[in-house]
Protein backbone atom coordinates (compact mmCIF):
# COMPACT_ATOMS: atom_id res chain seq x y z
CA HIS A 1 148.07 58.23 -68.23
CA SER A 2 148.41 56.57 -71.65
CA ASP A 3 151.20 54.39 -70.24
CA GLN A 4 148.84 53.04 -67.60
CA VAL A 5 146.17 52.38 -70.22
CA SER A 6 148.77 50.44 -72.26
CA CYS A 7 149.78 48.29 -69.28
CA MET A 8 150.63 44.67 -70.13
CA GLY A 9 150.38 43.44 -66.54
CA CYS A 10 153.95 42.11 -66.60
CA LEU A 11 154.42 42.21 -62.79
CA SER A 12 151.69 40.90 -60.53
CA GLY A 13 152.55 43.24 -57.66
CA CYS A 14 153.03 46.34 -59.78
CA SER A 15 151.61 49.57 -58.39
CA PHE A 16 151.70 51.25 -61.79
CA SER A 17 148.36 49.88 -62.93
CA ASN A 18 145.33 48.02 -61.67
CA TRP A 19 145.53 45.32 -64.34
CA SER A 20 144.77 41.75 -63.27
CA GLN A 21 144.32 38.34 -64.89
CA ASN A 22 141.04 37.74 -63.08
CA GLU A 23 137.70 37.79 -64.91
CA GLU A 24 137.16 41.48 -64.21
CA GLY A 25 140.65 42.35 -65.52
CA THR A 26 141.29 44.65 -62.56
CA THR A 27 142.55 44.53 -58.99
CA GLY A 28 139.92 47.08 -58.02
CA ARG A 29 142.61 49.46 -56.75
CA ARG A 30 143.51 52.79 -58.29
CA ALA A 31 146.89 52.97 -59.99
CA ASP A 32 149.60 54.77 -58.02
CA PRO A 33 150.42 57.96 -59.98
CA ARG A 34 153.90 58.10 -58.40
CA SER A 35 154.96 54.86 -60.06
CA PHE A 36 156.36 54.23 -63.53
CA CYS A 37 156.41 51.36 -66.01
CA ILE A 38 159.67 49.36 -66.04
CA GLN A 39 158.43 47.41 -69.09
CA LYS A 40 158.18 50.62 -71.10
CA THR A 41 161.68 51.65 -69.99
CA LEU A 42 163.20 48.27 -70.89
CA GLN A 43 161.46 48.25 -74.29
CA ASN A 44 162.65 51.78 -75.04
CA ILE A 45 166.26 50.90 -74.20
CA ALA A 46 166.12 47.62 -76.13
CA HIS A 47 164.92 49.51 -79.20
CA GLY A 48 167.64 52.13 -79.17
CA ARG A 49 166.34 54.95 -76.98
CA ASP A 50 168.90 56.89 -74.95
CA ILE A 51 169.51 55.00 -71.70
CA GLU A 52 170.36 58.30 -70.00
CA GLN A 53 166.81 59.55 -70.65
CA GLU A 54 164.96 56.56 -69.20
CA LEU A 55 163.80 56.12 -65.59
CA MET A 56 164.94 52.86 -63.98
CA PHE A 57 165.07 51.46 -60.49
CA ALA A 58 167.84 49.66 -58.65
CA GLY A 59 168.36 47.79 -55.42
CA HIS A 60 170.10 49.10 -52.33
CA ASN A 61 173.56 47.98 -53.58
CA ALA A 62 173.37 49.86 -56.88
CA TYR A 63 176.03 52.33 -55.74
CA ARG A 64 178.61 49.53 -56.10
CA PHE A 65 178.44 49.77 -59.89
CA GLY A 66 180.49 52.95 -59.68
CA SER A 67 183.54 51.07 -58.41
CA ASP A 68 183.12 47.81 -60.36
CA SER A 69 185.50 47.62 -63.34
CA PHE A 70 183.05 45.30 -65.15
CA TYR A 71 180.81 48.32 -65.75
CA ALA A 72 183.62 50.76 -66.60
CA ASN A 73 183.02 53.38 -69.30
CA GLY A 74 179.25 52.89 -69.16
CA PHE A 75 179.40 49.22 -70.20
CA VAL A 76 175.98 47.56 -70.11
CA PRO A 77 176.32 43.76 -70.34
CA THR A 78 174.04 41.49 -72.30
CA VAL A 79 171.90 39.09 -70.27
CA ALA A 80 174.29 36.25 -71.19
CA GLN A 81 177.32 38.25 -70.01
CA LEU A 82 175.60 39.18 -66.77
CA VAL A 83 174.52 35.60 -66.02
CA GLU A 84 178.02 34.33 -66.83
CA ARG A 85 179.50 36.84 -64.40
CA ILE A 86 176.98 35.99 -61.67
CA LEU A 87 177.82 32.29 -62.05
CA THR A 88 181.50 33.05 -61.37
CA GLY A 89 180.55 34.40 -57.94
CA PHE A 90 181.20 38.10 -58.50
């Protein structure tokens, strides 16, 4: 519950909270208790928390990471490394 209270409203379509930029500051909907805050997860990882203990989401092709040598041995690229790789067409 405290995570929902601390919501920064980083994603407009987020189901985690009911935060909004309108005058009322709310969408008027109840927050979905099944959801989680990706912002909190990313902040925790960026500040040294154990990546194995954080909940993250992935797209439907996430299973491909297991066979991609770029991510071997648990390698997590920087944003610059990831963008560079994307620009090469991989």
